[in-house]
Amino acid sequence: MKLTQSLSESFVLQPKGEEGIVIGFMMFATWPIALLLLVLGLVMLGRR
């Protein structure tokens, strides 16, 4: 998977400061949330 590979590479390349960790965490955490919202939206549309 290219997505996880690029994410891990960017995470490693970033400096080991708090900002880099926070940015990496935010990028990693927003993907499942966005996916969940998309699925919820599709389910809501399907029920109508």
PDB file of N, CA and C in Angstrom:
ATOM      1  N   MET A   1       0.846  -1.197   0.000  1.00  0.00           N
ATOM      2  CA  MET A   1       0.000   0.000   0.000  1.00  0.00           C
ATOM      3  C   MET A   1       0.884   1.251   0.000  1.00  0.00           C
ATOM      4  N   LYS A   2       0.656   2.104  -0.972  1.00  0.00           N
ATOM      5  CA  LYS A   2       1.496   3.299  -1.098  1.00  0.00           C
ATOM      6  C   LYS A   2       1.193   4.326  -0.013  1.00  0.00           C
ATOM      7  N   LEU A   3      -0.080   4.418   0.408  1.00  0.00           N
ATOM      8  CA  LEU A   3      -0.498   5.427   1.381  1.00  0.00           C
ATOM      9  C   LEU A   3       0.247   5.257   2.701  1.00  0.00           C
ATOM     10  N   THR A   4       0.213   4.043   3.254  1.00  0.00           N
ATOM     11  CA  THR A   4       0.868   3.797   4.539  1.00  0.00           C
ATOM     12  C   THR A   4       2.372   3.976   4.418  1.00  0.00           C
ATOM     13  N   GLN A   5       2.934   3.591   3.272  1.00  0.00           N
ATOM     14  CA  GLN A   5       4.373   3.727   3.057  1.00  0.00           C
ATOM     15  C   GLN A   5       4.784   5.203   3.048  1.00  0.00           C
ATOM     16  N   SER A   6       4.032   6.035   2.327  1.00  0.00           N
ATOM     17  CA  SER A   6       4.352   7.464   2.255  1.00  0.00           C
ATOM     18  C   SER A   6       4.149   8.123   3.615  1.00  0.00           C
ATOM     19  N   LEU A   7       3.117   7.683   4.338  1.00  0.00           N
ATOM     20  CA  LEU A   7       2.858   8.238   5.669  1.00  0.00           C
ATOM     21  C   LEU A   7       4.011   7.929   6.612  1.00  0.00           C
ATOM     22  N   SER A   8       4.472   6.667   6.603  1.00  0.00           N
ATOM     23  CA  SER A   8       5.573   6.271   7.481  1.00  0.00           C
ATOM     24  C   SER A   8       6.866   6.987   7.086  1.00  0.00           C
ATOM     25  N   GLU A   9       7.076   7.153   5.774  1.00  0.00           N
ATOM     26  CA  GLU A   9       8.281   7.842   5.303  1.00  0.00           C
ATOM     27  C   GLU A   9       8.282   9.298   5.745  1.00  0.00           C
ATOM     28  N   SER A  10       7.156   9.980   5.579  1.00  0.00           N
ATOM     29  CA  SER A  10       7.063  11.391   5.984  1.00  0.00           C
ATOM     30  C   SER A  10       7.216  11.515   7.498  1.00  0.00           C
ATOM     31  N   PHE A  11       6.687  10.524   8.224  1.00  0.00           N
ATOM     32  CA  PHE A  11       6.782  10.537   9.690  1.00  0.00           C
ATOM     33  C   PHE A  11       8.238  10.386  10.135  1.00  0.00           C
ATOM     34  N   VAL A  12       8.965   9.507   9.437  1.00  0.00           N
ATOM     35  CA  VAL A  12      10.379   9.268   9.775  1.00  0.00           C
ATOM     36  C   VAL A  12      11.225  10.483   9.404  1.00  0.00           C
ATOM     37  N   LEU A  13      10.912  11.103   8.255  1.00  0.00           N
ATOM     38  CA  LEU A  13      11.704  12.239   7.775  1.00  0.00           C
ATOM     39  C   LEU A  13      11.529  13.471   8.659  1.00  0.00           C
ATOM     40  N   GLN A  14      10.370  13.567   9.317  1.00  0.00           N
ATOM     41  CA  GLN A  14      10.117  14.730  10.169  1.00  0.00           C
ATOM     42  C   GLN A  14      11.045  14.719  11.384  1.00  0.00           C
ATOM     43  N   PRO A  15      11.418  15.899  11.893  1.00  0.00           N
ATOM     44  CA  PRO A  15      12.243  15.988  13.097  1.00  0.00           C
ATOM     45  C   PRO A  15      11.522  15.390  14.304  1.00  0.00           C
ATOM     46  N   LYS A  16      12.285  14.846  15.238  1.00  0.00           N
ATOM     47  CA  LYS A  16      11.698  14.146  16.385  1.00  0.00           C
ATOM     48  C   LYS A  16      11.174  15.116  17.445  1.00  0.00           C
ATOM     49  N   GLY A  17      10.545  16.212  16.975  1.00  0.00           N
ATOM     50  CA  GLY A  17       9.982  17.174  17.912  1.00  0.00           C
ATOM     51  C   GLY A  17       8.512  16.881  18.176  1.00  0.00           C
ATOM     52  N   GLU A  18       7.929  17.610  19.106  1.00  0.00           N
ATOM     53  CA  GLU A  18       6.511  17.409  19.437  1.00  0.00           C
ATOM     54  C   GLU A  18       5.618  17.757  18.250  1.00  0.00           C
ATOM     55  N   GLU A  19       5.985  18.800  17.509  1.00  0.00           N
ATOM     56  CA  GLU A  19       5.178  19.223  16.353  1.00  0.00           C
ATOM     57  C   GLU A  19       5.082  18.116  15.317  1.00  0.00           C
ATOM     58  N   GLY A  20       6.210  17.464  15.017  1.00  0.00           N
ATOM     59  CA  GLY A  20       6.220  16.380  14.037  1.00  0.00           C
ATOM     60  C   GLY A  20       5.333  15.230  14.469  1.00  0.00           C
ATOM     61  N   ILE A  21       5.377  14.900  15.769  1.00  0.00           N
ATOM     62  CA  ILE A  21       4.565  13.793  16.282  1.00  0.00           C
ATOM     63  C   ILE A  21       3.084  14.147  16.189  1.00  0.00           C
ATOM     64  N   VAL A  22       2.761  15.387  16.553  1.00  0.00           N
ATOM     65  CA  VAL A  22       1.358  15.829  16.522  1.00  0.00           C
ATOM     66  C   VAL A  22       0.826  15.814  15.092  1.00  0.00           C
ATOM     67  N   ILE A  23       1.619  16.345  14.148  1.00  0.00           N
ATOM     68  CA  ILE A  23       1.209  16.385  12.735  1.00  0.00           C
ATOM     69  C   ILE A  23       1.020  14.960  12.200  1.00  0.00           C
ATOM     70  N   GLY A  24       1.964  14.084  12.518  1.00  0.00           N
ATOM     71  CA  GLY A  24       1.867  12.689  12.087  1.00  0.00           C
ATOM     72  C   GLY A  24       0.636  12.015  12.664  1.00  0.00           C
ATOM     73  N   PHE A  25       0.375  12.281  13.943  1.00  0.00           N
ATOM     74  CA  PHE A  25      -0.792  11.684  14.603  1.00  0.00           C
ATOM     75  C   PHE A  25      -2.084  12.198  13.986  1.00  0.00           C
ATOM     76  N   MET A  26      -2.133  13.514  13.715  1.00  0.00           N
ATOM     77  CA  MET A  26      -3.325  14.120  13.121  1.00  0.00           C
ATOM     78  C   MET A  26      -3.595  13.507  11.749  1.00  0.00           C
ATOM     79  N   MET A  27      -2.548  13.389  10.927  1.00  0.00           N
ATOM     80  CA  MET A  27      -2.693  12.797   9.594  1.00  0.00           C
ATOM     81  C   MET A  27      -3.164  11.351   9.698  1.00  0.00           C
ATOM     82  N   PHE A  28      -2.616  10.621  10.673  1.00  0.00           N
ATOM     83  CA  PHE A  28      -2.954   9.210  10.837  1.00  0.00           C
ATOM     84  C   PHE A  28      -4.366   9.043  11.388  1.00  0.00           C
ATOM     85  N   ALA A  29      -4.789   9.982  12.265  1.00  0.00           N
ATOM     86  CA  ALA A  29      -6.087   9.856  12.940  1.00  0.00           C
ATOM     87  C   ALA A  29      -7.246  10.334  12.062  1.00  0.00           C
ATOM     88  N   THR A  30      -6.990  11.276  11.143  1.00  0.00           N
ATOM     89  CA  THR A  30      -8.086  11.833  10.345  1.00  0.00           C
ATOM     90  C   THR A  30      -8.586  10.855   9.277  1.00  0.00           C
ATOM     91  N   TRP A  31      -7.729   9.923   8.828  1.00  0.00           N
ATOM     92  CA  TRP A  31      -8.142   8.995   7.759  1.00  0.00           C
ATOM     93  C   TRP A  31      -9.307   8.104   8.160  1.00  0.00           C
ATOM     94  N   PRO A  32      -9.240   7.379   9.307  1.00  0.00           N
ATOM     95  CA  PRO A  32     -10.377   6.525   9.697  1.00  0.00           C
ATOM     96  C   PRO A  32     -11.630   7.332  10.012  1.00  0.00           C
ATOM     97  N   ILE A  33     -11.456   8.545  10.566  1.00  0.00           N
ATOM     98  CA  ILE A  33     -12.611   9.391  10.883  1.00  0.00           C
ATOM     99  C   ILE A  33     -13.329   9.796   9.600  1.00  0.00           C
ATOM    100  N   ALA A  34     -12.564  10.226   8.586  1.00  0.00           N
ATOM    101  CA  ALA A  34     -13.148  10.627   7.303  1.00  0.00           C
ATOM    102  C   ALA A  34     -13.847   9.438   6.645  1.00  0.00           C
ATOM    103  N   LEU A  35     -13.231   8.263   6.736  1.00  0.00           N
ATOM    104  CA  LEU A  35     -13.809   7.053   6.157  1.00  0.00           C
ATOM    105  C   LEU A  35     -15.115   6.706   6.862  1.00  0.00           C
ATOM    106  N   LEU A  36     -15.119   6.831   8.192  1.00  0.00           N
ATOM    107  CA  LEU A  36     -16.308   6.533   8.983  1.00  0.00           C
ATOM    108  C   LEU A  36     -17.451   7.473   8.606  1.00  0.00           C
ATOM    109  N   LEU A  37     -17.138   8.768   8.458  1.00  0.00           N
ATOM    110  CA  LEU A  37     -18.153   9.762   8.081  1.00  0.00           C
ATOM    111  C   LEU A  37     -18.720   9.454   6.701  1.00  0.00           C
ATOM    112  N   LEU A  38     -17.858   9.038   5.790  1.00  0.00           N
ATOM    113  CA  LEU A  38     -18.292   8.705   4.439  1.00  0.00           C
ATOM    114  C   LEU A  38     -19.263   7.521   4.467  1.00  0.00           C
ATOM    115  N   VAL A  39     -18.915   6.491   5.221  1.00  0.00           N
ATOM    116  CA  VAL A  39     -19.769   5.303   5.343  1.00  0.00           C
ATOM    117  C   VAL A  39     -21.098   5.674   5.994  1.00  0.00           C
ATOM    118  N   LEU A  40     -21.043   6.489   7.056  1.00  0.00           N
ATOM    119  CA  LEU A  40     -22.271   6.923   7.733  1.00  0.00           C
ATOM    120  C   LEU A  40     -23.168   7.693   6.772  1.00  0.00           C
ATOM    121  N   GLY A  41     -22.578   8.568   5.971  1.00  0.00           N
ATOM    122  CA  GLY A  41     -23.335   9.342   5.004  1.00  0.00           C
ATOM    123  C   GLY A  41     -24.013   8.455   3.970  1.00  0.00           C
ATOM    124  N   LEU A  42     -23.291   7.452   3.495  1.00  0.00           N
ATOM    125  CA  LEU A  42     -23.852   6.520   2.511  1.00  0.00           C
ATOM    126  C   LEU A  42     -24.996   5.717   3.120  1.00  0.00           C
ATOM    127  N   VAL A  43     -24.844   5.310   4.363  1.00  0.00           N
ATOM    128  CA  VAL A  43     -25.895   4.540   5.052  1.00  0.00           C
ATOM    129  C   VAL A  43     -27.144   5.392   5.226  1.00  0.00           C
ATOM    130  N   MET A  44     -26.955   6.652   5.613  1.00  0.00           N
ATOM    131  CA  MET A  44     -28.090   7.559   5.809  1.00  0.00           C
ATOM    132  C   MET A  44     -28.827   7.788   4.487  1.00  0.00           C
ATOM    133  N   LEU A  45     -28.063   7.937   3.400  1.00  0.00           N
ATOM    134  CA  LEU A  45     -28.671   8.136   2.080  1.00  0.00           C
ATOM    135  C   LEU A  45     -29.420   6.877   1.640  1.00  0.00           C
ATOM    136  N   GLY A  46     -28.869   5.716   1.963  1.00  0.00           N
ATOM    137  CA  GLY A  46     -29.477   4.456   1.568  1.00  0.00           C
ATOM    138  C   GLY A  46     -30.796   4.194   2.279  1.00  0.00           C
ATOM    139  N   ARG A  47     -30.913   4.674   3.519  1.00  0.00           N
ATOM    140  CA  ARG A  47     -32.122   4.419   4.300  1.00  0.00           C
ATOM    141  C   ARG A  47     -33.297   5.260   3.835  1.00  0.00           C
ATOM    142  N   ARG A  48     -33.023   6.419   3.222  1.00  0.00           N
ATOM    143  CA  ARG A  48     -34.117   7.297   2.799  1.00  0.00           C
ATOM    144  C   ARG A  48     -34.870   6.753   1.602  1.00  0.00           C
TER     145      ARG A  48
END
